[in-house]
Amino acid sequence: MKINRKTHLELRLQNLLFTLLFLAVVGLVAWLSTRYTAQFDWTAGGRHTLSEASRKVLDLIKEPVTITAYARENAQLRNQIRDQVGRYSRYKNDLTLNFVNPDTQPDKVRELGITMDGEMMVDYQGRTEKIQNAEEATLTNALQRLAVAKERHVVFLEGHGERSPQGQANHDLGQFGEELERKGITVSMVNLAVTPDIPDNTNVLVLAGPRANFLPGEITLVQNYVKNGGNLLWLTDPGELHGLDPLAQQLGIKFLPGTVVDASTQLFGIDDPTFALVAEYPAHPITFNFQTMTLFPATAALGKSADGDFQREPLLSTLARSWTETGAIEGKIQFDADKGERKGPLEIGYTLTREIKPTDKTEPAASASKSEAKPSEAKPNEGSKAEQAGQPEAEAAKDAGEKPSEQRIVVIGDGDFLSNAFLGNGGNLDLGLNIVHWLSQNEALINIPAKTSPDRKLELSPVASGVIAIGFLIALPAGLIGTGAAIWFKRRRR
C-alpha cells in the first residue's frame, strides 16, 4: 500500500478518533463504577460472603436498618468494621453504617453505655441492639432479635419495698426499665395485695429485692405462677427472704448465710470488699460471646437443695479468692472456716429450666375469682379462647398439637447490679438485658459455623516456582519487547 499525504492524514485522524473514543469509554466506565458496584468472592471458603442463615434474616427485615459504630479515628478499626458491615449492606441496600467518634459525644456515649472502642448500636423500627463487634454471628443474632421481636411483657411485683423499674433513686431500677422499653419490651408493675392476680400476658415476672414480708396468699400466687410454667427473675439480697422460703424450696435453691466478699478488689480501686467480680462465664445463651467483667455489690451465695423438677445450672460464679463472710464487715476481715464460711469460687446466679407440656398446666388459684365472677363483670379479653368456649386450656392445646415449652427461671443473689447506681459498671447492663431476652424466649441465637479458608496458602514445588518466576520475570517481558521491536522494524521498512 502506497502511503501518500492524504492517506497519512486519514491514518492520523483515525488514530485520534480511536484515542478519543477509548478515553470516552474509560471515562464512562469510571462514572458507572461510582453508580453501580459488583463484587465476586472467588475464595474457596467463601470468606467474604454472608452465610445462608444471615441472608434469611435480612430477608425478614423489610424496613431500613441503621448501624452506628462508636469508633475513634482509627483507620484500621474503622476499615475492619466497614468491611464486615459492607457484606450486609451489599445484600440489603437500605442498611447504612455511620461512624461517631466517642470522644466528641461523651454524654451520648455515657447514656448508651458504650464502654469499648468500636461498639455498635443497631437500630430497626425504633428498637435498638448493642453489640461489641461486627462478627457475622454477633450482628446476625442482633438483627434476628430485632426482626422477630414480638410483644413482650415484663411485670415487676411491688408493695414490699422492691426496687422500682420506674424509680430514680440509686437503689431503684429506673434506668434498666428504660433500657427494656427501648428494646420494645413493655414494663409494668403489679401489687398482689391490690390486684390479686398475675396478668395472663406476663412473659417474665420479676421479684426485685423485696424488703418486707410477703403475705401467705401472695406467696401462693407466685408459687402457682411458677407451678404453671411462668418464667421468673428473682433478684434477692443477703439476709432474710421475707417469706419467700417456700418459693426457694419449690425451686430447689438455697441461700448460704453471710455476704460474699473479696478483699482483693482493692487491686481494682474498689475499697468495699463486698463487691464480687465475675470474669468468666459458662457456655449458655445468656452469656453467648460475653466477655465483659460484671460487678455485684453485696451479694448472697447460692446452692442447690433437694432435687426437683428443674434442671439447675450455675450462671454466675465469683473468683476463687472470695468467700462468704458471716461476721461484721469492718476493719480487717479474713476467711474463717470454723464459723461455717465458704471459700470461693461461689455461685451467685443460677438458671433453672424444665419442660412444660400443655397437659401439665393447671388453672392458677388466682383465677378462681374470675371463674366465680359474673359474666357481666369479666373482662372481654380475659382468659384464653379455649376457656371462653368452655373447653379447658390444656385440652385445647393438646387438640391443637401444641409442642411442649420450656420454663425458664433465673435466681441471682444480688439486685444491686442492675440498680441505677451500678448499672453502668462493666457489663452489668448487657448481662441484665441478656437475662430478660432469654427468660422471654427471645434470644434467637443463630449458630453460624466458622468458614474454612483452604486458599490462604499456596503450596508450589521448586520446579513450578522456577517456571512461574522465569515466565513472568523474564519470558513474558522479553516476549512483549521482542514483539514490539518486530512491529517497529517492519513498519520502518515500508
Protein backbone atom coordinates (compact mmCIF):
# COMPACT_ATOMS: atom_id res chain seq x y z
CA MET A 1 0.00 0.00 0.00
CA LYS A 2 1.41 3.34 -1.06
CA ILE A 3 1.30 5.98 1.62
CA ASN A 4 0.68 9.48 0.32
CA ARG A 5 -0.04 12.70 2.08
CA LYS A 6 -3.81 12.18 2.06
CA THR A 7 -3.57 8.61 3.37
CA HIS A 8 -1.17 9.69 6.09
CA LEU A 9 -3.66 12.37 7.22
CA GLU A 10 -6.52 9.85 7.27
CA LEU A 11 -4.49 7.48 9.43
CA ARG A 12 -3.75 10.27 11.88
CA LEU A 13 -7.43 11.19 12.06
CA GLN A 14 -8.34 7.53 12.64
CA ASN A 15 -5.79 7.25 15.45
CA LEU A 16 -7.05 10.50 17.00
CA LEU A 17 -10.68 9.34 16.78
CA PHE A 18 -9.77 5.96 18.30
CA THR A 19 -7.97 7.69 21.16
CA LEU A 20 -10.92 9.98 21.85
CA LEU A 21 -13.40 7.08 21.76
CA PHE A 22 -11.16 4.99 24.01
CA LEU A 23 -10.89 7.81 26.57
CA ALA A 24 -14.66 8.33 26.41
CA VAL A 25 -15.29 4.65 27.08
CA VAL A 26 -12.83 4.67 30.01
CA GLY A 27 -14.49 7.77 31.44
CA LEU A 28 -17.93 6.23 31.04
CA VAL A 29 -16.84 3.04 32.79
CA ALA A 30 -15.31 5.10 35.60
CA TRP A 31 -18.55 7.05 36.01
CA LEU A 32 -20.62 3.86 36.04
CA SER A 33 -18.34 2.42 38.72
CA THR A 34 -19.41 5.25 41.02
CA ARG A 35 -23.08 4.41 40.49
CA TYR A 36 -23.01 0.63 40.46
CA THR A 37 -20.83 -1.88 42.24
CA ALA A 38 -20.20 -5.57 41.77
CA GLN A 39 -18.23 -7.95 43.90
CA PHE A 40 -17.21 -11.54 43.31
CA ASP A 41 -16.00 -13.81 46.08
CA TRP A 42 -13.56 -16.27 44.49
CA THR A 43 -12.21 -17.59 47.79
CA ALA A 44 -12.64 -21.34 48.16
CA GLY A 45 -14.22 -20.99 51.59
CA GLY A 46 -16.45 -18.03 50.66
CA ARG A 47 -14.93 -15.99 53.47
CA HIS A 48 -16.31 -12.70 52.16
CA THR A 49 -19.86 -13.93 51.53
CA LEU A 50 -22.73 -13.94 54.01
CA SER A 51 -23.95 -17.31 55.14
CA GLU A 52 -27.37 -18.55 54.13
CA ALA A 53 -28.64 -18.01 57.69
CA SER A 54 -27.64 -14.33 57.58
CA ARG A 55 -29.30 -13.81 54.21
CA LYS A 56 -32.53 -15.35 55.51
CA VAL A 57 -32.50 -12.95 58.46
CA LEU A 58 -32.00 -9.99 56.13
CA ASP A 59 -34.94 -11.20 54.04
CA LEU A 60 -37.12 -10.87 57.14
CA ILE A 61 -36.18 -7.21 57.57
CA LYS A 62 -38.31 -5.05 55.29
CA GLU A 63 -37.52 -1.62 56.71
CA PRO A 64 -34.21 0.33 56.71
CA VAL A 65 -31.55 -0.57 59.26
CA THR A 66 -29.06 1.91 60.69
CA ILE A 67 -25.83 0.81 62.33
CA THR A 68 -23.89 3.40 64.31
CA ALA A 69 -20.32 2.47 65.17
CA TYR A 70 -18.76 4.40 68.05
CA ALA A 71 -15.13 4.18 66.95
CA ARG A 72 -12.29 6.64 67.26
CA GLU A 73 -10.36 7.95 64.26
CA ASN A 74 -8.56 4.64 63.86
CA ALA A 75 -8.31 3.73 60.18
CA GLN A 76 -7.62 0.06 60.83
CA LEU A 77 -10.58 -0.39 63.19
CA ARG A 78 -12.99 1.59 61.02
CA ASN A 79 -11.94 -0.25 57.86
CA GLN A 80 -12.48 -3.57 59.61
CA ILE A 81 -15.98 -2.54 60.70
CA ARG A 82 -16.72 -1.10 57.26
CA ASP A 83 -15.63 -4.35 55.58
CA GLN A 84 -17.71 -6.57 57.87
CA VAL A 85 -20.85 -4.45 57.74
CA GLY A 86 -20.37 -4.00 54.00
CA ARG A 87 -21.26 -7.64 53.43
CA TYR A 88 -24.71 -6.89 54.83
CA SER A 89 -25.19 -3.57 53.04
CA ARG A 90 -24.33 -5.15 49.68
CA TYR A 91 -27.15 -7.65 50.20
CA LYS A 92 -29.55 -5.10 51.75
CA ASN A 93 -29.25 -1.68 50.11
CA ASP A 94 -31.07 0.23 52.88
CA LEU A 95 -28.69 -0.93 55.60
CA THR A 96 -26.45 2.03 56.38
CA LEU A 97 -23.35 2.42 58.53
CA ASN A 98 -22.43 5.62 60.37
CA PHE A 99 -19.33 6.36 62.41
CA VAL A 100 -19.25 8.50 65.54
CA ASN A 101 -16.11 9.43 67.42
CA PRO A 102 -16.99 8.69 71.08
CA ASP A 103 -14.57 11.38 72.26
CA THR A 104 -16.74 14.06 70.64
CA GLN A 105 -20.01 12.93 72.29
CA PRO A 106 -19.15 11.78 75.83
CA ASP A 107 -22.64 12.41 77.20
CA LYS A 108 -24.28 10.34 74.48
CA VAL A 109 -21.76 7.55 74.93
CA ARG A 110 -22.36 7.52 78.69
CA GLU A 111 -26.13 7.45 78.17
CA LEU A 112 -25.92 4.49 75.78
CA GLY A 113 -23.48 2.60 77.99
CA ILE A 114 -20.73 2.43 75.35
CA THR A 115 -17.63 1.02 77.05
CA MET A 116 -15.46 -0.24 74.18
CA ASP A 117 -13.93 1.42 71.16
CA GLY A 118 -15.82 0.02 68.17
CA GLU A 119 -19.12 -0.83 69.88
CA MET A 120 -22.16 -0.51 67.63
CA MET A 121 -25.85 0.30 68.00
CA VAL A 122 -28.17 -1.46 65.56
CA ASP A 123 -31.42 0.48 65.08
CA TYR A 124 -34.51 -1.00 63.43
CA GLN A 125 -38.07 0.34 63.68
CA GLY A 126 -37.26 2.31 66.83
CA ARG A 127 -35.73 -0.71 68.60
CA THR A 128 -32.02 -0.99 69.26
CA GLU A 129 -29.47 -3.68 69.99
CA LYS A 130 -25.95 -3.00 71.22
CA ILE A 131 -23.13 -5.24 70.02
CA GLN A 132 -19.42 -5.10 70.76
CA ASN A 133 -18.17 -6.31 67.38
CA ALA A 134 -19.38 -6.81 63.83
CA GLU A 135 -18.65 -10.52 63.56
CA GLU A 136 -21.27 -12.25 61.47
CA ALA A 137 -22.67 -14.37 64.30
CA THR A 138 -22.99 -11.35 66.62
CA LEU A 139 -24.53 -8.98 64.07
CA THR A 140 -26.88 -11.57 62.59
CA ASN A 141 -28.19 -12.54 66.02
CA ALA A 142 -28.86 -8.88 66.84
CA LEU A 143 -30.73 -8.43 63.56
CA GLN A 144 -32.65 -11.64 64.24
CA ARG A 145 -33.85 -10.36 67.60
CA LEU A 146 -34.92 -7.06 66.05
CA ALA A 147 -36.63 -8.73 63.10
CA VAL A 148 -38.77 -11.24 65.00
CA ALA A 149 -39.36 -9.15 68.11
CA LYS A 150 -42.79 -9.88 69.48
CA GLU A 151 -44.72 -8.08 72.15
CA ARG A 152 -43.21 -8.99 75.49
CA HIS A 153 -44.43 -8.04 78.95
CA VAL A 154 -42.13 -7.91 81.98
CA VAL A 155 -44.08 -7.50 85.22
CA PHE A 156 -42.39 -6.30 88.42
CA LEU A 157 -44.05 -7.09 91.75
CA GLU A 158 -44.39 -4.14 94.15
CA GLY A 159 -45.78 -3.49 97.59
CA HIS A 160 -42.89 -4.98 99.60
CA GLY A 161 -40.23 -2.31 99.16
CA GLU A 162 -38.98 -3.78 95.88
CA ARG A 163 -36.73 -1.87 93.52
CA SER A 164 -38.94 0.01 91.09
CA PRO A 165 -38.36 -0.11 87.31
CA GLN A 166 -39.62 3.47 87.21
CA GLY A 167 -37.77 4.83 90.24
CA GLN A 168 -34.87 7.25 90.06
CA ALA A 169 -33.28 6.50 93.44
CA ASN A 170 -29.86 4.89 93.48
CA HIS A 171 -31.27 1.52 94.58
CA ASP A 172 -34.12 1.54 92.01
CA LEU A 173 -34.07 0.04 88.50
CA GLY A 174 -35.32 3.07 86.57
CA GLN A 175 -32.51 3.13 84.02
CA PHE A 176 -32.80 -0.60 83.43
CA GLY A 177 -36.55 -0.22 82.94
CA GLU A 178 -35.89 2.48 80.34
CA GLU A 179 -33.48 0.18 78.52
CA LEU A 180 -36.12 -2.56 78.43
CA GLU A 181 -38.64 -0.10 76.99
CA ARG A 182 -36.07 0.93 74.39
CA LYS A 183 -35.84 -2.73 73.35
CA GLY A 184 -39.57 -2.79 72.72
CA ILE A 185 -40.39 -4.61 75.98
CA THR A 186 -43.46 -3.49 77.92
CA VAL A 187 -42.64 -2.92 81.59
CA SER A 188 -45.42 -2.81 84.20
CA MET A 189 -45.89 -3.28 87.94
CA VAL A 190 -48.49 -5.16 89.93
CA ASN A 191 -49.33 -5.16 93.62
CA LEU A 192 -50.83 -8.52 94.55
CA ALA A 193 -52.47 -7.02 97.62
CA VAL A 194 -54.45 -4.65 95.38
CA THR A 195 -54.84 -6.85 92.29
CA PRO A 196 -54.73 -10.48 93.46
CA ASP A 197 -53.76 -11.83 90.08
CA ILE A 198 -50.68 -12.04 87.87
CA PRO A 199 -51.60 -10.85 84.35
CA ASP A 200 -52.11 -13.63 81.81
CA ASN A 201 -49.83 -11.98 79.26
CA THR A 202 -46.84 -11.92 81.62
CA ASN A 203 -43.73 -13.19 79.86
CA VAL A 204 -41.39 -12.61 82.80
CA LEU A 205 -42.27 -11.97 86.45
CA VAL A 206 -39.60 -10.08 88.41
CA LEU A 207 -39.04 -10.16 92.16
CA ALA A 208 -36.63 -7.26 92.61
CA GLY A 209 -35.26 -7.43 96.13
CA PRO A 210 -38.30 -7.24 98.46
CA ARG A 211 -37.67 -5.69 101.86
CA ALA A 212 -40.95 -6.56 103.58
CA ASN A 213 -42.57 -9.94 104.18
CA PHE A 214 -44.98 -11.38 101.62
CA LEU A 215 -48.43 -12.37 102.78
CA PRO A 216 -49.20 -16.12 102.64
CA GLY A 217 -51.73 -15.56 99.88
CA GLU A 218 -49.21 -13.62 97.81
CA ILE A 219 -46.66 -16.41 98.13
CA THR A 220 -49.29 -18.87 96.94
CA LEU A 221 -49.96 -16.73 93.88
CA VAL A 222 -46.26 -16.65 93.00
CA GLN A 223 -45.88 -20.39 93.59
CA ASN A 224 -48.88 -21.14 91.38
CA TYR A 225 -47.42 -18.91 88.68
CA VAL A 226 -44.20 -20.95 88.79
CA LYS A 227 -46.10 -24.23 89.01
CA ASN A 228 -47.97 -23.38 85.83
CA GLY A 229 -44.80 -22.73 83.83
CA GLY A 230 -44.28 -18.99 84.29
CA ASN A 231 -40.83 -17.51 83.67
CA LEU A 232 -39.31 -15.80 86.71
CA LEU A 233 -36.41 -13.47 87.52
CA TRP A 234 -35.68 -13.46 91.24
CA LEU A 235 -33.23 -10.82 92.45
CA THR A 236 -32.58 -11.16 96.14
CA ASP A 237 -30.04 -9.87 98.67
CA PRO A 238 -28.10 -11.33 101.59
CA GLY A 239 -30.20 -11.91 104.69
CA GLU A 240 -33.88 -12.67 105.06
CA LEU A 241 -36.02 -13.94 102.20
CA HIS A 242 -39.04 -12.05 103.59
CA GLY A 243 -41.40 -15.00 103.50
CA LEU A 244 -40.24 -16.42 100.15
CA ASP A 245 -38.66 -19.52 101.70
CA PRO A 246 -41.40 -21.76 100.21
CA LEU A 247 -40.51 -20.42 96.76
CA ALA A 248 -36.83 -21.22 97.29
CA GLN A 249 -37.81 -24.73 98.38
CA GLN A 250 -40.02 -25.11 95.32
CA LEU A 251 -37.13 -24.14 93.04
CA GLY A 252 -34.59 -26.30 94.85
CA ILE A 253 -32.33 -23.33 95.61
CA LYS A 254 -30.78 -22.50 98.96
CA PHE A 255 -29.12 -19.28 100.10
CA LEU A 256 -25.88 -19.56 102.03
CA PRO A 257 -25.53 -17.40 105.15
CA GLY A 258 -23.32 -14.35 105.00
CA THR A 259 -22.25 -11.92 102.30
CA VAL A 260 -19.79 -12.68 99.54
CA VAL A 261 -16.60 -10.64 99.99
CA ASP A 262 -13.41 -10.30 98.02
CA ALA A 263 -10.78 -8.19 99.76
CA SER A 264 -8.53 -8.26 96.69
CA THR A 265 -10.92 -5.93 94.83
CA GLN A 266 -8.73 -3.12 96.20
CA LEU A 267 -6.37 -4.00 93.35
CA PHE A 268 -9.05 -2.62 91.02
CA GLY A 269 -9.56 0.55 93.05
CA ILE A 270 -12.62 -0.78 94.92
CA ASP A 271 -12.38 -0.18 98.66
CA ASP A 272 -15.59 -2.05 99.55
CA PRO A 273 -14.79 -5.79 99.90
CA THR A 274 -18.45 -6.75 99.41
CA PHE A 275 -18.12 -6.16 95.67
CA ALA A 276 -17.90 -9.53 93.91
CA LEU A 277 -16.31 -9.77 90.47
CA VAL A 278 -17.37 -12.25 87.79
CA ALA A 279 -14.88 -12.57 84.95
CA GLU A 280 -15.64 -16.00 83.43
CA TYR A 281 -18.95 -17.34 82.20
CA PRO A 282 -20.31 -20.78 81.27
CA ALA A 283 -21.44 -21.80 77.81
CA HIS A 284 -25.02 -20.58 77.90
CA PRO A 285 -27.27 -18.50 75.60
CA ILE A 286 -27.29 -15.70 78.19
CA THR A 287 -23.50 -15.40 78.11
CA PHE A 288 -23.03 -16.23 74.42
CA ASN A 289 -19.96 -14.31 73.22
CA PHE A 290 -20.00 -12.37 76.52
CA GLN A 291 -16.51 -11.45 77.69
CA THR A 292 -17.01 -8.33 79.81
CA MET A 293 -16.45 -8.42 83.55
CA THR A 294 -19.52 -7.82 85.74
CA LEU A 295 -19.69 -6.37 89.24
CA PHE A 296 -22.06 -7.45 92.03
CA PRO A 297 -22.19 -5.38 95.25
CA ALA A 298 -23.33 -7.17 98.42
CA THR A 299 -24.42 -10.49 97.00
CA ALA A 300 -25.52 -13.77 98.56
CA ALA A 301 -24.05 -17.12 97.56
CA LEU A 302 -26.43 -19.78 96.28
CA GLY A 303 -26.51 -23.54 96.26
CA LYS A 304 -28.71 -26.46 95.32
CA SER A 305 -31.04 -28.08 97.80
CA ALA A 306 -33.22 -31.14 97.28
CA ASP A 307 -33.70 -32.49 93.79
CA GLY A 308 -36.73 -31.18 91.96
CA ASP A 309 -38.28 -30.92 88.53
CA PHE A 310 -35.91 -28.17 87.45
CA GLN A 311 -32.56 -28.55 85.81
CA ARG A 312 -30.35 -26.11 87.71
CA GLU A 313 -27.10 -24.81 86.24
CA PRO A 314 -24.71 -22.20 87.65
CA LEU A 315 -24.70 -18.97 85.64
CA LEU A 316 -22.51 -16.62 87.68
CA SER A 317 -19.51 -17.66 89.78
CA THR A 318 -17.16 -15.48 91.80
CA LEU A 319 -13.38 -15.72 91.77
CA ALA A 320 -11.55 -18.28 93.86
CA ARG A 321 -10.23 -15.64 96.29
CA SER A 322 -13.77 -14.77 97.53
CA TRP A 323 -15.65 -16.23 100.49
CA THR A 324 -18.89 -15.86 102.44
CA GLU A 325 -18.33 -13.53 105.38
CA THR A 326 -20.76 -14.21 108.22
CA GLY A 327 -19.36 -11.64 110.65
CA ALA A 328 -19.35 -7.88 110.64
CA ILE A 329 -17.70 -6.44 107.55
CA GLU A 330 -15.47 -3.82 109.11
CA GLY A 331 -11.81 -3.40 109.78
CA LYS A 332 -9.67 -6.35 108.80
CA ILE A 333 -11.62 -9.40 107.64
CA GLN A 334 -10.42 -12.86 106.78
CA PHE A 335 -11.77 -16.26 105.90
CA ASP A 336 -12.76 -18.38 108.92
CA ALA A 337 -13.84 -21.92 108.13
CA ASP A 338 -14.71 -22.59 111.80
CA LYS A 339 -17.65 -20.17 111.51
CA GLY A 340 -19.10 -22.09 108.58
CA GLU A 341 -17.86 -19.67 105.94
CA ARG A 342 -17.49 -20.99 102.39
CA LYS A 343 -14.48 -20.28 100.23
CA GLY A 344 -14.78 -19.37 96.54
CA PRO A 345 -15.46 -19.80 93.79
CA LEU A 346 -19.08 -19.33 94.80
CA GLU A 347 -22.24 -19.49 92.69
CA ILE A 348 -24.23 -16.27 92.92
CA GLY A 349 -26.57 -16.94 89.98
CA TYR A 350 -28.47 -19.98 88.73
CA THR A 351 -30.58 -20.78 85.69
CA LEU A 352 -33.47 -23.21 86.08
CA THR A 353 -35.27 -24.90 83.22
CA ARG A 354 -37.83 -27.62 82.81
CA GLU A 355 -40.03 -28.91 80.05
CA ILE A 356 -43.66 -27.90 80.37
CA LYS A 357 -46.22 -29.93 78.48
CA PRO A 358 -49.60 -28.32 77.79
CA THR A 359 -51.34 -31.07 79.77
CA ASP A 360 -49.18 -30.29 82.80
CA LYS A 361 -50.55 -26.77 83.16
CA THR A 362 -53.24 -26.30 85.75
CA GLU A 363 -55.64 -23.48 86.36
CA PRO A 364 -53.95 -21.00 88.73
CA ALA A 365 -55.58 -20.46 92.06
CA ALA A 366 -55.54 -16.73 91.43
CA SER A 367 -58.03 -17.12 88.60
CA ALA A 368 -60.62 -18.69 90.88
CA SER A 369 -62.07 -15.27 91.47
CA LYS A 370 -62.52 -14.87 87.73
CA SER A 371 -64.39 -18.13 87.41
CA GLU A 372 -66.69 -17.10 90.26
CA ALA A 373 -67.28 -13.63 88.85
CA LYS A 374 -70.46 -12.88 86.99
CA PRO A 375 -70.21 -12.91 83.20
CA SER A 376 -71.00 -9.20 83.06
CA GLU A 377 -68.03 -8.49 85.36
CA ALA A 378 -65.49 -10.46 83.38
CA LYS A 379 -63.18 -8.60 81.04
CA PRO A 380 -63.77 -9.23 77.33
CA ASN A 381 -60.19 -10.32 76.63
CA GLU A 382 -59.65 -12.16 79.88
CA GLY A 383 -58.70 -15.81 79.58
CA SER A 384 -57.89 -17.84 76.52
CA LYS A 385 -60.25 -18.63 73.68
CA ALA A 386 -60.44 -22.18 74.89
CA GLU A 387 -61.68 -21.02 78.32
CA GLN A 388 -64.30 -18.75 76.76
CA ALA A 389 -65.59 -21.70 74.75
CA GLY A 390 -65.92 -23.78 77.91
CA GLN A 391 -63.03 -26.08 76.97
CA PRO A 392 -60.08 -26.47 79.36
CA GLU A 393 -56.93 -24.75 78.11
CA ALA A 394 -54.82 -27.90 78.44
CA GLU A 395 -57.25 -29.92 76.29
CA ALA A 396 -57.38 -27.17 73.68
CA ALA A 397 -53.60 -27.05 73.49
CA LYS A 398 -53.49 -30.81 73.20
CA ASP A 399 -56.08 -30.82 70.40
CA ALA A 400 -54.11 -28.13 68.58
CA GLY A 401 -50.98 -30.25 68.74
CA GLU A 402 -49.02 -27.68 70.76
CA LYS A 403 -45.46 -28.74 71.43
CA PRO A 404 -44.03 -28.80 74.96
CA SER A 405 -42.49 -25.48 76.01
CA GLU A 406 -39.56 -24.70 78.26
CA GLN A 407 -39.97 -22.87 81.52
CA ARG A 408 -37.07 -20.58 82.39
CA ILE A 409 -36.08 -19.10 85.74
CA VAL A 410 -33.05 -17.08 86.84
CA VAL A 411 -32.15 -16.58 90.50
CA ILE A 412 -29.39 -14.11 91.41
CA GLY A 413 -28.21 -13.33 94.92
CA ASP A 414 -27.93 -9.60 94.22
CA GLY A 415 -30.31 -6.98 92.89
CA ASP A 416 -27.96 -4.01 93.14
CA PHE A 417 -26.05 -4.89 89.97
CA LEU A 418 -29.00 -3.63 87.88
CA SER A 419 -29.71 -0.59 90.06
CA ASN A 420 -29.22 2.97 88.87
CA ALA A 421 -26.04 3.26 90.93
CA PHE A 422 -24.26 0.23 89.46
CA LEU A 423 -25.90 -0.45 86.09
CA GLY A 424 -23.06 1.18 84.16
CA ASN A 425 -20.32 -0.92 85.76
CA GLY A 426 -18.65 -3.37 83.40
CA GLY A 427 -21.14 -5.49 81.51
CA ASN A 428 -23.97 -5.29 84.07
CA LEU A 429 -26.45 -3.72 81.65
CA ASP A 430 -25.74 -6.17 78.84
CA LEU A 431 -25.98 -9.11 81.22
CA GLY A 432 -29.34 -7.91 82.54
CA LEU A 433 -30.72 -7.45 79.03
CA ASN A 434 -29.47 -10.90 78.00
CA ILE A 435 -31.21 -12.43 81.01
CA VAL A 436 -34.53 -10.82 80.12
CA HIS A 437 -34.16 -11.82 76.45
CA TRP A 438 -33.52 -15.42 77.46
CA LEU A 439 -36.33 -15.54 80.01
CA SER A 440 -38.82 -14.16 77.48
CA GLN A 441 -37.51 -16.73 74.98
CA ASN A 442 -36.38 -14.09 72.55
CA GLU A 443 -32.65 -14.77 72.49
CA ALA A 444 -32.95 -16.32 68.98
CA LEU A 445 -29.28 -17.21 68.70
CA ILE A 446 -28.15 -18.46 65.31
CA ASN A 447 -25.14 -20.73 65.18
CA ILE A 448 -23.13 -19.68 62.14
CA PRO A 449 -20.21 -22.09 61.62
CA ALA A 450 -16.78 -20.65 61.06
CA LYS A 451 -15.80 -20.60 57.42
CA THR A 452 -12.71 -22.53 56.50
CA SER A 453 -10.12 -20.87 54.27
CA PRO A 454 -8.07 -23.52 52.44
CA ASP A 455 -6.97 -20.98 49.83
CA ARG A 456 -4.92 -18.74 52.08
CA LYS A 457 -1.70 -20.68 51.45
CA LEU A 458 -0.46 -21.81 48.06
CA GLU A 459 1.97 -24.74 48.04
CA LEU A 460 4.21 -24.88 44.94
CA SER A 461 7.07 -27.22 44.08
CA PRO A 462 10.50 -25.69 43.37
CA VAL A 463 10.12 -26.51 39.65
CA ALA A 464 6.72 -24.79 39.45
CA SER A 465 8.05 -21.76 41.34
CA GLY A 466 11.00 -21.55 38.93
CA VAL A 467 8.79 -21.79 35.87
CA ILE A 468 6.48 -19.04 37.17
CA ALA A 469 9.42 -16.82 38.11
CA ILE A 470 11.15 -17.23 34.73
CA GLY A 471 7.89 -16.92 32.83
CA PHE A 472 6.68 -13.70 34.49
CA LEU A 473 10.02 -12.03 35.20
CA ILE A 474 11.92 -12.92 32.03
CA ALA A 475 9.94 -14.69 29.30
CA LEU A 476 6.83 -12.50 29.32
CA PRO A 477 8.68 -9.13 29.36
CA ALA A 478 11.10 -10.40 26.71
CA GLY A 479 8.24 -11.56 24.52
CA LEU A 480 6.49 -8.21 24.78
CA ILE A 481 9.69 -6.29 24.00
CA GLY A 482 10.50 -8.60 21.07
CA THR A 483 7.00 -8.30 19.61
CA GLY A 484 7.12 -4.53 19.85
CA ALA A 485 10.57 -4.38 18.25
CA ALA A 486 9.50 -6.64 15.36
CA ILE A 487 6.48 -4.47 14.61
CA TRP A 488 8.61 -1.33 14.76
CA PHE A 489 11.22 -2.74 12.33
CA LYS A 490 8.51 -3.95 9.97
CA ARG A 491 6.92 -0.50 9.83
CA ARG A 492 10.29 1.15 9.32
CA ARG A 493 10.89 -0.88 6.15
CA ARG A 494 7.72 0.37 4.49
